[in-house]
């Protein structure tokens, strides 16, 4: 029997809490109230954790695969609103990097 989407989503979130139990910075246990679901993505969920003890933030993507639950997580200094803002932004190109470099070099020359 196929699970309803709501039940499936709840299970994915519960699995993510099992995968990411403790803050990687201070080792205190995460609580359900510290979790924010930012988006549902490809059979999974994008979740934001903020530790109430050390204020470190963790961004995780948890996906349900045929062989089990798979997740990846990273520490971030982004706020929830910044994650949402930049989530769908265009990728940074080589030209973007060169433009910033040239502007920095130009301002360096002017101040000398």
C-alpha atoms as a PDB file:
ATOM      1  CA  UNK A   1       0.000   0.000   0.000  1.00  0.00           C
ATOM      2  CA  UNK A   2       1.394   3.399  -0.993  1.00  0.00           C
ATOM      3  CA  UNK A   3       1.808   5.908   1.819  1.00  0.00           C
ATOM      4  CA  UNK A   4       0.142   9.281   1.637  1.00  0.00           C
ATOM      5  CA  UNK A   5       2.523  12.144   0.877  1.00  0.00           C
ATOM      6  CA  UNK A   6       1.985  13.641   4.340  1.00  0.00           C
ATOM      7  CA  UNK A   7       2.803  10.363   6.077  1.00  0.00           C
ATOM      8  CA  UNK A   8       5.836   9.860   3.823  1.00  0.00           C
ATOM      9  CA  UNK A   9       7.090  13.390   4.590  1.00  0.00           C
ATOM     10  CA  UNK A  10       6.677  12.837   8.327  1.00  0.00           C
ATOM     11  CA  UNK A  11       8.690   9.638   8.074  1.00  0.00           C
ATOM     12  CA  UNK A  12      11.492  11.372   6.161  1.00  0.00           C
ATOM     13  CA  UNK A  13      11.675  14.056   8.858  1.00  0.00           C
ATOM     14  CA  UNK A  14      11.741  11.420  11.602  1.00  0.00           C
ATOM     15  CA  UNK A  15      14.580   9.630   9.779  1.00  0.00           C
ATOM     16  CA  UNK A  16      16.485  12.906   9.518  1.00  0.00           C
ATOM     17  CA  UNK A  17      16.221  13.390  13.278  1.00  0.00           C
ATOM     18  CA  UNK A  18      17.677   9.911  13.719  1.00  0.00           C
ATOM     19  CA  UNK A  19      20.550  10.725  11.349  1.00  0.00           C
ATOM     20  CA  UNK A  20      21.319  14.120  12.876  1.00  0.00           C
ATOM     21  CA  UNK A  21      20.797  13.780  16.617  1.00  0.00           C
ATOM     22  CA  UNK A  22      23.439  16.118  17.992  1.00  0.00           C
ATOM     23  CA  UNK A  23      24.946  19.483  17.163  1.00  0.00           C
ATOM     24  CA  UNK A  24      28.349  18.863  15.522  1.00  0.00           C
ATOM     25  CA  UNK A  25      29.799  21.915  17.314  1.00  0.00           C
ATOM     26  CA  UNK A  26      28.742  21.511  20.966  1.00  0.00           C
ATOM     27  CA  UNK A  27      27.342  17.926  20.896  1.00  0.00           C
ATOM     28  CA  UNK A  28      24.041  18.890  22.556  1.00  0.00           C
ATOM     29  CA  UNK A  29      20.986  17.019  21.353  1.00  0.00           C
ATOM     30  CA  UNK A  30      18.721  18.697  18.795  1.00  0.00           C
ATOM     31  CA  UNK A  31      15.050  19.026  19.668  1.00  0.00           C
ATOM     32  CA  UNK A  32      12.119  18.874  17.244  1.00  0.00           C
ATOM     33  CA  UNK A  33      11.434  22.574  17.844  1.00  0.00           C
ATOM     34  CA  UNK A  34      14.901  23.459  16.479  1.00  0.00           C
ATOM     35  CA  UNK A  35      14.101  21.998  13.064  1.00  0.00           C
ATOM     36  CA  UNK A  36      12.674  24.045  10.177  1.00  0.00           C
ATOM     37  CA  UNK A  37      11.523  22.400   6.967  1.00  0.00           C
ATOM     38  CA  UNK A  38      12.528  24.773   4.181  1.00  0.00           C
ATOM     39  CA  UNK A  39      11.491  22.786   1.127  1.00  0.00           C
ATOM     40  CA  UNK A  40      10.429  19.403  -0.151  1.00  0.00           C
ATOM     41  CA  UNK A  41      12.892  18.196  -2.796  1.00  0.00           C
ATOM     42  CA  UNK A  42      13.274  15.053  -4.938  1.00  0.00           C
ATOM     43  CA  UNK A  43      11.744  12.456  -2.608  1.00  0.00           C
ATOM     44  CA  UNK A  44      13.105  14.270   0.396  1.00  0.00           C
ATOM     45  CA  UNK A  45      13.338  17.388   2.432  1.00  0.00           C
ATOM     46  CA  UNK A  46      15.645  20.379   2.956  1.00  0.00           C
ATOM     47  CA  UNK A  47      15.936  21.009   6.695  1.00  0.00           C
ATOM     48  CA  UNK A  48      17.537  23.781   8.753  1.00  0.00           C
ATOM     49  CA  UNK A  49      18.639  23.101  12.330  1.00  0.00           C
ATOM     50  CA  UNK A  50      19.759  25.775  14.790  1.00  0.00           C
ATOM     51  CA  UNK A  51      21.314  24.690  18.068  1.00  0.00           C
ATOM     52  CA  UNK A  52      19.715  26.483  21.000  1.00  0.00           C
ATOM     53  CA  UNK A  53      22.925  26.123  23.023  1.00  0.00           C
ATOM     54  CA  UNK A  54      25.691  27.387  20.712  1.00  0.00           C
ATOM     55  CA  UNK A  55      23.560  28.964  17.933  1.00  0.00           C
ATOM     56  CA  UNK A  56      25.343  26.941  15.216  1.00  0.00           C
ATOM     57  CA  UNK A  57      23.256  26.233  12.137  1.00  0.00           C
ATOM     58  CA  UNK A  58      23.158  23.089  10.053  1.00  0.00           C
ATOM     59  CA  UNK A  59      21.574  22.691   6.629  1.00  0.00           C
ATOM     60  CA  UNK A  60      20.638  19.134   5.644  1.00  0.00           C
ATOM     61  CA  UNK A  61      19.027  17.447   2.676  1.00  0.00           C
ATOM     62  CA  UNK A  62      17.492  14.082   3.496  1.00  0.00           C
ATOM     63  CA  UNK A  63      16.169  11.879   0.692  1.00  0.00           C
ATOM     64  CA  UNK A  64      14.343   8.593   0.718  1.00  0.00           C
ATOM     65  CA  UNK A  65      15.878   6.120  -1.717  1.00  0.00           C
ATOM     66  CA  UNK A  66      14.817   2.563  -2.583  1.00  0.00           C
ATOM     67  CA  UNK A  67      17.630   1.209  -0.370  1.00  0.00           C
ATOM     68  CA  UNK A  68      17.052   3.553   2.592  1.00  0.00           C
ATOM     69  CA  UNK A  69      17.379   7.143   3.733  1.00  0.00           C
ATOM     70  CA  UNK A  70      20.354   9.186   2.509  1.00  0.00           C
ATOM     71  CA  UNK A  71      21.404  12.555   3.852  1.00  0.00           C
ATOM     72  CA  UNK A  72      24.018  15.220   3.513  1.00  0.00           C
ATOM     73  CA  UNK A  73      24.539  18.102   5.898  1.00  0.00           C
ATOM     74  CA  UNK A  74      26.814  21.093   6.321  1.00  0.00           C
ATOM     75  CA  UNK A  75      27.422  23.744   8.924  1.00  0.00           C
ATOM     76  CA  UNK A  76      26.402  27.180   7.711  1.00  0.00           C
ATOM     77  CA  UNK A  77      26.434  30.767   8.858  1.00  0.00           C
ATOM     78  CA  UNK A  78      23.373  31.528   6.734  1.00  0.00           C
ATOM     79  CA  UNK A  79      20.049  32.380   8.337  1.00  0.00           C
ATOM     80  CA  UNK A  80      16.827  30.702   7.217  1.00  0.00           C
ATOM     81  CA  UNK A  81      15.893  33.739   5.112  1.00  0.00           C
ATOM     82  CA  UNK A  82      19.321  33.744   3.422  1.00  0.00           C
ATOM     83  CA  UNK A  83      19.070  30.038   2.579  1.00  0.00           C
ATOM     84  CA  UNK A  84      15.673  30.638   0.997  1.00  0.00           C
ATOM     85  CA  UNK A  85      16.943  33.734  -0.844  1.00  0.00           C
ATOM     86  CA  UNK A  86      20.034  32.048  -2.315  1.00  0.00           C
ATOM     87  CA  UNK A  87      18.549  28.589  -2.819  1.00  0.00           C
ATOM     88  CA  UNK A  88      17.307  29.325  -6.323  1.00  0.00           C
ATOM     89  CA  UNK A  89      19.908  31.931  -7.284  1.00  0.00           C
ATOM     90  CA  UNK A  90      22.063  31.448 -10.350  1.00  0.00           C
ATOM     91  CA  UNK A  91      25.388  29.695  -9.871  1.00  0.00           C
ATOM     92  CA  UNK A  92      28.492  31.871  -9.603  1.00  0.00           C
ATOM     93  CA  UNK A  93      30.403  31.829 -12.876  1.00  0.00           C
ATOM     94  CA  UNK A  94      34.086  32.325 -13.628  1.00  0.00           C
ATOM     95  CA  UNK A  95      33.165  35.715 -15.114  1.00  0.00           C
ATOM     96  CA  UNK A  96      31.529  36.731 -11.814  1.00  0.00           C
ATOM     97  CA  UNK A  97      34.706  35.868  -9.915  1.00  0.00           C
ATOM     98  CA  UNK A  98      36.899  37.750 -12.408  1.00  0.00           C
ATOM     99  CA  UNK A  99      34.639  40.801 -12.179  1.00  0.00           C
ATOM    100  CA  UNK A 100      34.967  40.919  -8.384  1.00  0.00           C
ATOM    101  CA  UNK A 101      38.723  40.406  -8.632  1.00  0.00           C
ATOM    102  CA  UNK A 102      39.078  43.252 -11.139  1.00  0.00           C
ATOM    103  CA  UNK A 103      37.009  45.594  -8.953  1.00  0.00           C
ATOM    104  CA  UNK A 104      39.095  44.743  -5.898  1.00  0.00           C
ATOM    105  CA  UNK A 105      42.340  45.230  -7.803  1.00  0.00           C
ATOM    106  CA  UNK A 106      41.026  48.538  -9.202  1.00  0.00           C
ATOM    107  CA  UNK A 107      40.141  49.859  -5.753  1.00  0.00           C
ATOM    108  CA  UNK A 108      43.539  48.717  -4.460  1.00  0.00           C
ATOM    109  CA  UNK A 109      45.312  50.721  -7.186  1.00  0.00           C
ATOM    110  CA  UNK A 110      43.222  53.829  -6.483  1.00  0.00           C
ATOM    111  CA  UNK A 111      44.041  53.780  -2.767  1.00  0.00           C
ATOM    112  CA  UNK A 112      47.820  53.438  -3.359  1.00  0.00           C
END
